[in-house]
Protein backbone atom coordinates (compact mmCIF):
# COMPACT_ATOMS: atom_id res chain seq x y z
CA MET A 1 -40.25 -32.09 -44.56
CA ALA A 2 -41.02 -29.32 -42.11
CA MET A 3 -41.84 -31.44 -39.62
CA SER A 4 -38.42 -33.07 -39.81
CA VAL A 5 -36.78 -30.03 -39.70
CA SER A 6 -38.40 -28.63 -36.86
CA LEU A 7 -37.47 -31.89 -34.80
CA ARG A 8 -34.25 -31.65 -35.92
CA ASN A 9 -34.11 -28.11 -34.55
CA LEU A 10 -35.93 -29.25 -31.14
CA SER A 11 -33.28 -32.00 -30.71
CA ALA A 12 -30.42 -29.33 -31.29
CA VAL A 13 -32.09 -27.09 -28.72
CA LEU A 14 -32.50 -29.77 -26.03
CA PHE A 15 -29.14 -30.98 -26.49
CA MET A 16 -27.43 -27.46 -26.18
CA GLN A 17 -29.56 -26.98 -23.03
CA PHE A 18 -28.31 -30.24 -21.48
CA ILE A 19 -24.71 -29.54 -22.62
CA PHE A 20 -25.06 -25.95 -20.83
CA LEU A 21 -26.87 -27.82 -17.67
CA ASN A 22 -23.92 -30.02 -17.49
CA SER A 23 -21.40 -27.84 -17.79
CA LEU A 24 -23.00 -25.72 -14.68
CA CYS A 25 -23.35 -28.92 -12.60
CA MET A 26 -19.56 -29.68 -13.52
CA ALA A 27 -18.21 -25.92 -12.64
CA GLU A 28 -15.25 -25.87 -10.12
CA PRO A 29 -16.70 -24.12 -7.01
CA PRO A 30 -14.75 -21.08 -5.96
CA THR A 31 -11.29 -21.37 -4.36
CA ALA A 32 -12.21 -19.33 -1.42
CA GLU A 33 -15.56 -18.19 0.68
CA SER A 34 -15.88 -16.02 3.27
CA SER A 35 -18.37 -16.61 6.05
CA PHE A 36 -18.18 -13.48 7.93
CA HIS A 37 -19.52 -9.70 7.85
CA VAL A 38 -18.56 -6.37 9.32
CA THR A 39 -21.05 -3.68 9.38
CA LEU A 40 -18.54 -0.29 9.01
CA PRO A 41 -19.69 3.13 10.28
CA PRO A 42 -19.80 6.13 8.01
CA HIS A 43 -16.61 7.37 6.75
CA ALA A 44 -16.36 11.07 7.56
CA PHE A 45 -14.34 12.14 4.64
CA ALA A 46 -16.13 9.49 2.04
CA ASP A 47 -16.31 11.75 -0.80
CA ASP A 48 -13.38 14.11 -0.10
CA LEU A 49 -10.01 14.40 -1.73
CA LEU A 50 -7.52 14.71 0.86
CA PRO A 51 -3.86 15.35 -0.29
CA SER A 52 -2.50 14.85 3.09
CA SER A 53 -3.83 11.38 3.69
CA PRO A 54 -1.42 8.64 4.16
CA PHE A 55 -3.75 5.96 3.18
CA GLY A 56 -2.85 4.79 -0.72
CA ILE A 57 -3.36 1.97 -2.53
CA ASN A 58 -1.71 0.46 -6.02
CA THR A 59 -4.86 0.89 -8.33
CA ALA A 60 -3.62 -1.86 -10.78
CA PHE A 61 -6.06 -0.11 -13.41
CA GLN A 62 -5.75 0.36 -17.01
CA PRO A 63 -7.37 3.07 -19.02
CA ASP A 64 -10.02 0.59 -19.96
CA THR A 65 -10.36 -1.68 -16.79
CA PRO A 66 -14.04 -3.28 -17.13
CA LYS A 67 -16.27 -2.58 -14.40
CA LEU A 68 -14.40 0.08 -12.86
CA GLU A 69 -16.91 1.83 -10.64
CA PRO A 70 -17.68 -1.07 -8.31
CA ILE A 71 -13.62 -1.22 -7.73
CA LEU A 72 -13.99 2.52 -6.84
CA LYS A 73 -16.78 2.07 -4.83
CA LYS A 74 -14.91 -0.48 -2.71
CA MET A 75 -11.99 1.85 -2.56
CA LYS A 76 -14.08 4.49 -1.02
CA GLU A 77 -15.91 2.44 1.30
CA ALA A 78 -12.34 1.11 2.38
CA GLY A 79 -11.35 4.91 2.91
CA ILE A 80 -8.81 5.04 0.56
CA LYS A 81 -7.52 8.44 -0.62
CA TRP A 82 -4.67 7.83 -3.07
CA GLY A 83 -3.85 5.59 -5.68
CA ARG A 84 -0.62 4.86 -7.38
CA GLN A 85 -1.78 4.49 -11.17
CA ASP A 86 0.60 3.77 -14.21
CA PHE A 87 0.50 6.42 -16.70
CA THR A 88 2.30 4.03 -19.10
CA TRP A 89 4.38 5.40 -21.67
CA ARG A 90 3.50 2.81 -24.62
CA ARG A 91 -0.09 3.78 -24.27
CA ILE A 92 -0.03 7.16 -24.54
CA GLU A 93 2.77 7.42 -27.12
CA LYS A 94 1.45 4.74 -29.21
CA LYS A 95 2.93 6.73 -32.60
CA LYS A 96 6.35 8.54 -32.41
CA GLY A 97 5.95 12.33 -31.26
CA GLN A 98 1.70 11.41 -30.67
CA TYR A 99 0.39 11.60 -27.23
CA GLN A 100 -3.22 10.14 -26.63
CA PHE A 101 -4.65 11.10 -23.04
CA GLN A 102 -8.51 10.91 -23.51
CA ASP A 103 -8.46 7.57 -21.57
CA TYR A 104 -6.61 8.62 -18.88
CA ASP A 105 -8.51 11.98 -18.54
CA ARG A 106 -11.58 9.37 -17.95
CA LEU A 107 -9.79 7.49 -15.61
CA VAL A 108 -8.49 10.68 -13.48
CA ASP A 109 -11.93 12.25 -13.38
CA THR A 110 -13.61 9.14 -12.75
CA CYS A 111 -11.13 8.25 -9.69
CA HIS A 112 -11.59 11.93 -8.40
CA LYS A 113 -15.62 11.59 -8.36
CA TYR A 114 -14.83 8.76 -5.68
CA GLY A 115 -12.73 10.76 -3.38
CA LEU A 116 -9.29 9.04 -4.80
CA LEU A 117 -6.37 11.28 -5.62
CA LEU A 118 -3.64 9.96 -8.49
CA PHE A 119 0.08 9.93 -8.59
CA GLY A 120 1.76 8.64 -11.86
CA ASN A 121 4.22 6.13 -12.43
CA LEU A 122 5.85 7.26 -15.83
CA ALA A 123 7.19 3.71 -17.20
CA TYR A 124 7.23 1.22 -19.79
CA ALA A 125 8.51 2.25 -22.89
CA PRO A 126 6.91 1.97 -26.45
CA ASN A 127 9.05 -0.49 -28.65
CA PHE A 128 10.36 2.22 -30.79
CA HIS A 129 12.30 3.84 -28.03
CA ASP A 130 15.02 2.71 -25.65
CA PRO A 131 15.06 4.87 -22.41
CA ARG A 132 18.78 3.50 -21.94
CA THR A 133 19.99 5.60 -24.59
CA PRO A 134 20.45 9.24 -24.95
CA GLU A 135 17.81 9.41 -27.60
CA GLY A 136 15.56 7.34 -25.54
CA VAL A 137 16.13 9.44 -22.42
CA GLN A 138 14.83 12.76 -24.95
CA ALA A 139 11.79 10.84 -25.85
CA TYR A 140 11.22 10.00 -22.38
CA CYS A 141 11.36 13.62 -21.30
CA ASN A 142 9.22 14.64 -24.08
CA PHE A 143 6.47 12.25 -22.91
CA VAL A 144 7.06 12.83 -19.44
CA ARG A 145 6.70 17.03 -20.40
CA GLU A 146 3.56 16.66 -22.11
CA THR A 147 2.05 14.16 -19.83
CA VAL A 148 2.80 16.46 -16.70
CA LYS A 149 1.52 19.59 -18.76
CA HIS A 150 -1.61 17.98 -19.73
CA PHE A 151 -2.33 16.61 -16.05
CA ALA A 152 -1.65 19.98 -14.22
CA GLY A 153 -3.99 20.82 -11.38
CA LYS A 154 -5.12 17.39 -11.50
CA VAL A 155 -2.04 15.16 -10.89
CA LYS A 156 0.77 16.62 -8.99
CA PHE A 157 3.02 13.70 -7.90
CA TRP A 158 5.30 11.64 -10.46
CA GLN A 159 6.95 8.71 -10.07
CA ILE A 160 10.19 7.88 -12.43
CA TRP A 161 10.01 4.41 -13.44
CA ASN A 162 9.15 1.12 -11.27
CA GLU A 163 11.44 -0.67 -9.48
CA PRO A 164 14.53 0.35 -11.39
CA ASN A 165 16.87 -1.66 -9.38
CA GLY A 166 14.84 -5.04 -10.46
CA GLY A 167 13.68 -6.62 -13.49
CA PHE A 168 11.33 -3.66 -14.56
CA TRP A 169 14.48 -1.93 -15.70
CA LYS A 170 16.84 -3.43 -18.18
CA GLY A 171 19.59 -1.05 -17.86
CA THR A 172 22.69 -0.23 -15.52
CA PRO A 173 22.13 2.08 -12.68
CA ALA A 174 24.07 4.58 -14.42
CA GLU A 175 21.48 4.47 -17.43
CA TYR A 176 18.71 4.83 -14.52
CA ALA A 177 20.38 8.01 -13.11
CA ARG A 178 20.96 9.59 -16.24
CA LEU A 179 16.98 9.22 -17.10
CA LEU A 180 16.19 10.09 -13.41
CA ALA A 181 17.99 13.42 -13.63
CA ALA A 182 16.89 14.28 -16.91
CA ALA A 183 13.24 13.70 -16.40
CA GLY A 184 13.25 15.29 -12.92
CA LYS A 185 14.37 18.40 -14.56
CA SER A 186 11.79 18.19 -17.19
CA ILE A 187 9.00 17.81 -14.60
CA HIS A 188 9.92 20.70 -12.76
CA GLN A 189 10.09 22.91 -15.38
CA ALA A 190 6.62 21.46 -17.11
CA ASN A 191 4.82 22.45 -13.70
CA PRO A 192 6.64 23.79 -10.88
CA ASP A 193 4.32 22.68 -8.37
CA ALA A 194 4.85 19.19 -9.29
CA LYS A 195 6.99 16.85 -7.42
CA VAL A 196 9.21 13.98 -8.37
CA LEU A 197 8.96 10.60 -6.82
CA GLY A 198 12.76 8.90 -7.34
CA LEU A 199 14.27 5.39 -6.73
CA ASN A 200 11.10 3.77 -6.32
CA MET A 201 13.29 0.46 -5.73
CA ALA A 202 12.37 -2.82 -4.84
CA PHE A 203 13.84 -3.96 -1.04
CA CYS A 204 15.21 -0.70 1.05
CA ASP A 205 18.28 -1.38 -1.40
CA VAL A 206 20.65 1.36 0.27
CA LEU A 207 23.66 -0.26 -2.02
CA TRP A 208 21.85 0.72 -5.27
CA ALA A 209 20.47 4.08 -3.91
CA GLU A 210 23.80 5.15 -3.08
CA LYS A 211 25.03 4.56 -6.70
CA ILE A 212 22.35 6.39 -7.83
CA LEU A 213 22.45 9.48 -5.57
CA SER A 214 26.30 9.83 -6.29
CA LEU A 215 25.47 10.45 -10.00
CA VAL A 216 22.33 12.68 -10.18
CA PRO A 217 21.93 16.50 -9.06
CA TYR A 218 20.39 15.99 -5.51
CA ASP A 219 17.22 18.50 -6.16
CA CYS A 220 16.11 16.30 -9.31
CA PHE A 221 13.43 14.42 -7.24
CA ASP A 222 11.82 15.56 -3.99
CA ILE A 223 10.43 12.27 -2.56
CA ALA A 224 12.37 8.92 -2.05
CA CYS A 225 10.01 5.63 -2.40
CA PHE A 226 11.13 2.02 -1.82
CA HIS A 227 8.97 -1.04 -1.49
CA PRO A 228 10.10 -3.08 1.74
CA TYR A 229 8.26 -6.42 1.26
CA ARG A 230 9.60 -8.73 3.96
CA PRO A 231 6.98 -11.88 3.90
CA PRO A 232 6.58 -13.63 6.44
CA SER A 233 8.48 -11.23 8.65
CA ALA A 234 6.52 -8.89 10.56
CA PRO A 235 7.24 -5.02 10.36
CA GLU A 236 8.94 -4.76 13.83
CA GLU A 237 10.73 -8.24 13.51
CA HIS A 238 14.66 -7.88 13.76
CA PHE A 239 15.03 -10.44 10.89
CA ASP A 240 13.77 -10.18 7.49
CA TRP A 241 13.33 -13.64 5.58
CA TRP A 242 12.67 -11.82 2.32
CA GLU A 243 15.74 -9.74 2.48
CA LEU A 244 17.79 -12.74 3.02
CA ASP A 245 16.50 -15.16 0.58
CA GLN A 246 15.81 -12.81 -2.44
CA TYR A 247 17.94 -9.78 -2.19
CA VAL A 248 21.27 -11.60 -0.31
CA LYS A 249 20.69 -15.19 -1.92
CA SER A 250 19.32 -14.21 -5.10
CA TRP A 251 20.23 -10.81 -6.24
CA HIS A 252 23.58 -10.68 -4.48
CA ARG A 253 24.25 -14.02 -4.30
CA HIS A 254 28.00 -12.85 -5.76
CA ASP A 255 28.89 -10.08 -3.55
CA LEU A 256 26.68 -10.71 -0.20
CA LYS A 257 26.60 -12.98 2.73
CA PRO A 258 23.67 -13.92 5.02
CA ASP A 259 25.39 -11.51 7.64
CA TYR A 260 24.31 -8.52 5.50
CA PRO A 261 23.03 -5.91 8.46
CA LEU A 262 19.64 -5.28 6.92
CA VAL A 263 18.75 -8.93 7.25
CA ARG A 264 18.76 -8.45 10.94
CA MET A 265 16.90 -5.39 10.82
CA SER A 266 13.29 -4.31 11.83
CA PHE A 267 11.15 -2.27 8.91
CA LEU A 268 11.92 1.06 10.48
CA GLU A 269 15.70 0.25 10.92
CA GLN A 270 15.82 -0.63 7.31
CA THR A 271 14.47 2.96 6.53
CA ASP A 272 17.05 4.34 9.25
CA GLU A 273 19.74 3.15 7.02
CA LEU A 274 18.24 4.93 3.62
CA ILE A 275 18.00 8.13 5.50
CA LYS A 276 21.54 7.80 6.45
CA VAL A 277 22.49 7.24 2.67
CA MET A 278 20.39 10.29 2.01
CA ALA A 279 22.08 12.56 4.53
CA LYS A 280 25.62 12.00 2.76
CA PHE A 281 24.07 14.20 -0.19
CA GLY A 282 22.00 16.36 1.39
CA ASN A 283 19.01 16.96 3.88
CA PRO A 284 16.93 13.66 3.97
CA LYS A 285 13.95 13.74 1.61
CA PRO A 286 10.18 12.73 2.70
CA ILE A 287 9.93 8.93 1.82
CA TRP A 288 6.90 7.31 0.28
CA ILE A 289 5.95 3.34 0.63
CA THR A 290 4.92 3.05 -2.92
CA GLU A 291 4.38 -0.56 -2.41
CA ILE A 292 3.79 -2.99 0.34
CA CYS A 293 1.51 -6.18 1.28
CA TRP A 294 1.79 -9.64 2.92
CA ASN A 295 0.73 -12.04 0.47
CA SER A 296 -2.22 -14.44 1.77
CA HIS A 297 -1.07 -17.50 -0.26
CA ILE A 298 -1.08 -21.03 1.35
CA HIS A 299 2.60 -21.90 0.14
CA PRO A 300 6.23 -20.63 1.60
CA TYR A 301 6.16 -17.16 2.76
CA GLY A 302 2.63 -16.99 3.02
CA THR A 303 0.67 -15.04 5.97
CA LEU A 304 -2.59 -16.39 7.36
CA GLU A 305 -5.36 -13.86 6.32
CA THR A 306 -6.14 -12.85 9.92
CA ARG A 307 -2.40 -12.32 10.53
CA GLN A 308 -2.55 -10.08 7.26
CA ALA A 309 -5.25 -7.81 8.68
CA ASP A 310 -3.36 -7.42 12.03
CA LEU A 311 -0.08 -6.42 10.25
CA VAL A 312 -2.00 -4.16 7.71
CA VAL A 313 -2.78 -1.96 10.71
CA ARG A 314 0.70 -2.32 12.67
CA PHE A 315 2.70 -1.31 9.22
CA HIS A 316 0.55 1.94 8.84
CA VAL A 317 0.83 2.89 12.36
CA LEU A 318 4.36 2.12 12.34
CA ALA A 319 5.03 4.37 9.38
CA ILE A 320 2.92 7.45 10.84
CA ALA A 321 4.33 7.16 14.28
CA SER A 322 8.08 7.02 13.10
CA GLN A 323 7.21 10.56 11.19
CA LYS A 324 9.64 9.25 8.81
CA ILE A 325 7.01 8.03 6.51
CA LYS A 326 4.14 10.29 4.59
CA LYS A 327 2.25 7.63 2.68
CA VAL A 328 1.82 4.19 2.54
CA PHE A 329 0.36 2.11 -0.57
CA TRP A 330 -0.80 -1.40 -0.04
CA TRP A 331 -0.52 -3.80 -3.34
CA THR A 332 -3.16 -4.21 -4.18
CA LEU A 333 -7.26 -3.87 -3.55
CA ARG A 334 -7.94 -7.42 -4.71
CA ASP A 335 -6.33 -10.28 -5.44
CA THR A 336 -5.18 -10.79 -8.99
CA GLY A 337 -6.27 -14.21 -9.35
CA THR A 338 -7.75 -17.04 -7.70
CA ARG A 339 -4.89 -19.34 -7.09
CA GLN A 340 -4.99 -19.76 -3.17
CA PHE A 341 -1.50 -21.55 -3.38
CA ASP A 342 -0.02 -18.60 -5.81
CA GLN A 343 1.88 -15.61 -4.03
CA ALA A 344 1.43 -13.30 -7.16
CA ASP A 345 -2.24 -13.92 -6.74
CA MET A 346 -2.90 -13.51 -3.14
CA VAL A 347 -2.15 -10.00 -2.85
CA GLY A 348 -5.41 -8.21 -2.10
CA LEU A 349 -7.33 -6.65 0.72
CA LEU A 350 -10.27 -8.03 -1.35
CA ARG A 351 -10.76 -11.58 -2.99
CA ASN A 352 -10.66 -11.39 -6.67
CA ASP A 353 -14.30 -11.47 -6.86
CA LEU A 354 -14.58 -8.19 -4.56
CA THR A 355 -15.41 -9.99 -1.68
CA PRO A 356 -13.79 -8.84 1.32
CA LYS A 357 -10.89 -10.62 3.21
CA TYR A 358 -10.35 -9.38 7.23
CA SER A 359 -7.42 -7.19 5.88
CA TYR A 360 -10.10 -5.09 4.15
CA TYR A 361 -12.30 -4.67 7.10
CA ALA A 362 -9.27 -4.06 8.96
CA PHE A 363 -8.17 -1.22 6.89
CA SER A 364 -11.61 0.44 6.48
CA PHE A 365 -11.97 0.48 10.08
CA MET A 366 -8.43 1.83 10.67
CA THR A 367 -9.31 4.67 8.25
CA ARG A 368 -12.18 5.68 9.85
CA MET A 369 -10.58 5.68 13.27
CA LEU A 370 -7.22 7.58 12.24
CA GLU A 371 -8.25 9.60 8.93
CA GLY A 372 -8.00 13.64 10.07
CA LYS A 373 -6.61 12.54 13.22
CA LYS A 374 -2.97 13.85 14.44
CA TRP A 375 -0.42 11.83 15.87
CA VAL A 376 0.74 13.21 19.24
CA HIS A 377 3.40 11.15 20.67
CA ASN A 378 4.37 7.33 21.18
CA ASP A 379 4.08 6.22 24.83
CA VAL A 380 5.77 3.03 24.17
CA PHE A 381 7.42 2.37 20.78
CA GLY A 382 8.91 -1.24 20.97
CA PRO A 383 10.68 -3.44 21.22
CA GLN A 384 7.64 -5.73 22.28
CA VAL A 385 5.12 -3.32 23.16
CA TYR A 386 3.80 0.12 20.91
CA ALA A 387 1.20 2.41 22.00
CA VAL A 388 0.94 5.15 19.49
CA VAL A 389 -1.53 8.33 20.69
CA PHE A 390 -3.42 10.26 18.19
CA THR A 391 -6.08 13.26 19.14
CA ASP A 392 -8.85 14.29 17.33
CA ASP A 393 -9.42 18.25 17.88
CA LYS A 394 -12.88 18.05 16.83
CA SER A 395 -14.17 15.32 19.28
CA ASP A 396 -11.87 16.43 21.95
CA LEU A 397 -10.75 12.66 22.34
CA ASP A 398 -7.41 11.00 22.20
CA ILE A 399 -7.09 7.47 20.46
CA ILE A 400 -3.97 5.02 21.59
CA VAL A 401 -3.46 2.12 19.07
CA ALA A 402 -1.67 -0.55 20.98
CA TRP A 403 -0.59 -4.10 20.26
CA SER A 404 2.38 -6.22 21.37
CA THR A 405 4.62 -8.76 19.24
CA LYS A 406 4.17 -11.43 21.85
CA PRO A 407 1.26 -13.11 22.45
CA TYR A 408 -0.02 -11.43 25.45
CA ALA A 409 1.30 -8.06 27.42
CA TYR A 410 -0.15 -5.10 29.65
CA ILE A 411 -0.34 -1.32 29.42
CA ARG A 412 -1.78 1.09 31.84
CA VAL A 413 -4.08 3.59 30.90
CA ASN A 414 -5.80 6.47 32.47
CA ASN A 415 -9.58 6.61 32.69
CA GLU A 416 -11.04 9.94 33.10
CA LYS A 417 -14.47 9.86 31.83
CA GLY A 418 -14.89 6.13 30.49
CA LEU A 419 -12.93 4.28 27.79
CA ASN A 420 -13.98 2.65 24.75
CA ILE A 421 -11.98 -0.15 23.40
CA TYR A 422 -12.10 -1.21 19.59
CA ASP A 423 -10.75 -4.34 17.78
CA ILE A 424 -9.39 -3.88 14.18
CA TYR A 425 -12.68 -4.69 13.19
CA GLY A 426 -14.90 -2.29 15.08
CA THR A 427 -16.04 -4.59 17.98
CA ARG A 428 -16.46 -2.16 20.83
CA ARG A 429 -16.29 -2.69 24.73
CA PHE A 430 -16.73 -0.02 27.06
CA VAL A 431 -15.34 0.46 30.61
CA PRO A 432 -16.81 3.11 32.95
CA VAL A 433 -14.75 5.09 35.52
CA HIS A 434 -14.34 3.30 39.01
CA LYS A 435 -12.10 4.94 41.44
CA ILE A 436 -10.59 1.56 42.73
CA ARG A 437 -10.85 -0.81 39.71
CA THR A 438 -10.58 1.16 36.47
CA LYS A 439 -9.21 4.72 37.31
CA SER A 440 -5.84 3.38 36.02
CA LEU A 441 -6.87 0.49 33.88
CA SER A 442 -4.80 -2.39 33.18
CA VAL A 443 -5.48 -3.26 29.26
CA PRO A 444 -4.62 -6.55 27.69
CA LEU A 445 -2.62 -6.59 24.66
CA GLY A 446 -2.03 -9.39 21.79
CA THR A 447 -0.68 -9.16 18.35
CA SER A 448 -4.13 -7.84 17.06
CA PRO A 449 -3.95 -3.92 17.81
CA LEU A 450 -6.87 -2.13 19.66
CA TYR A 451 -8.04 1.36 19.36
CA ILE A 452 -8.32 2.87 23.11
CA VAL A 453 -10.39 6.17 22.84
CA GLY A 454 -10.84 8.39 25.86
CA SER A 455 -10.70 11.97 26.88
CA LYS A 456 -7.93 14.24 25.79
CA GLY A 457 -4.77 13.36 27.84
CA LEU A 458 -4.59 9.64 27.48
CA LYS A 459 -1.33 7.89 28.75
CA ALA A 460 -0.07 4.68 28.48
CA SER A 461 2.79 2.63 30.12
CA VAL A 462 4.07 -0.85 30.29
CA ARG A 463 3.09 -3.22 32.99
CA PRO A 464 4.81 -6.39 33.93
CA ASN A 465 2.90 -9.70 33.60
CA PRO A 466 -0.22 -10.24 34.36
CA GLY A 467 -0.75 -6.74 34.25
CA TRP A 468 -0.81 -5.24 37.95
């Protein structure tokens, strides 16, 4: 009898091993595999908290996100210094009037350990509060006040809701305006050092923004935020497919026509329209871009992964060089899924398994080249060639970030002591001084930016093709 039982057990074990091995053989291969690696130089500010840094990310963290530290290590390696973090109302207030911050305390402290400052997006109501009502507004203000006081000294910037001009807010513009006005006042009272981020809108929605600004005290918030997604159009391009197809033809199909002016504007021209609207109510406020990406999905509106890397750099440099935008927060660090054809999945600088895309290395090298550097001026700023000058007072060097929106173009750069020229991944080429051939160097450009590094006083000017 014992022998019979043992044989049955052995048979069961062998059968389970067969099933397991068979499942391994039948497992689907990964939907994406990278065949490249970039060795990054050390980041000069890897461990530092840098409030002035323009380089941010949407963390997409929950307080209980598993394996958080490997993700934070990747953020640290990339030189990401700011995170946009949901402080979710319904997770903090699970019972009326009771606020639980312990999980967020751990999250904030862990992020700081990796050199990552956070600002809080205060959104998403519990089912027993309706922020569209006067009672809900009061409940939101109570939540906001307690949260801001609790994190004083650790979190200074607070955002009032996410994309309230779209699907994340179920109320009217007037109802959001009431919430913004009341919550902004509550934040300023709870912590006079805190700053309030308002509008926070999908698109550069100047029509909606003007409605809100006409309904609130202009001092109820300190920083204006928007999300200028525009796939597949480049940031410098004077045509915005996403604005046309999603904002005009979908959101405003009953009241706007395809000749709506913002459709035929670059990203910075659209930003200027928001500045004009704010100027009607007071001095224009600083601007943060709290979401942006070019999705790398294989489908309509998709962007090649190599082009995504170029656009990461171009967008950030344009924002900094404009002197209109203080911070940029990419959506997000890693893909949210693995479906290569899906727009919502393909958003990251990394694949879902934390494997780097080209854009991760481009972002990482950009932060190494530009963090702590001071913008000086724009030698050339469009429409087809861009050359933006930064300086490093510590090393006594200048850096020109240059590119063209055309396949090829040329700039001439003065060469006093030799020039180091880097591509977006850090590949370096050196050009020494030769009084005839390289003293005034013609540098070929393309759609992928270059970093041109030389002694102070670098200047660039456009040359006609083929570069003489």
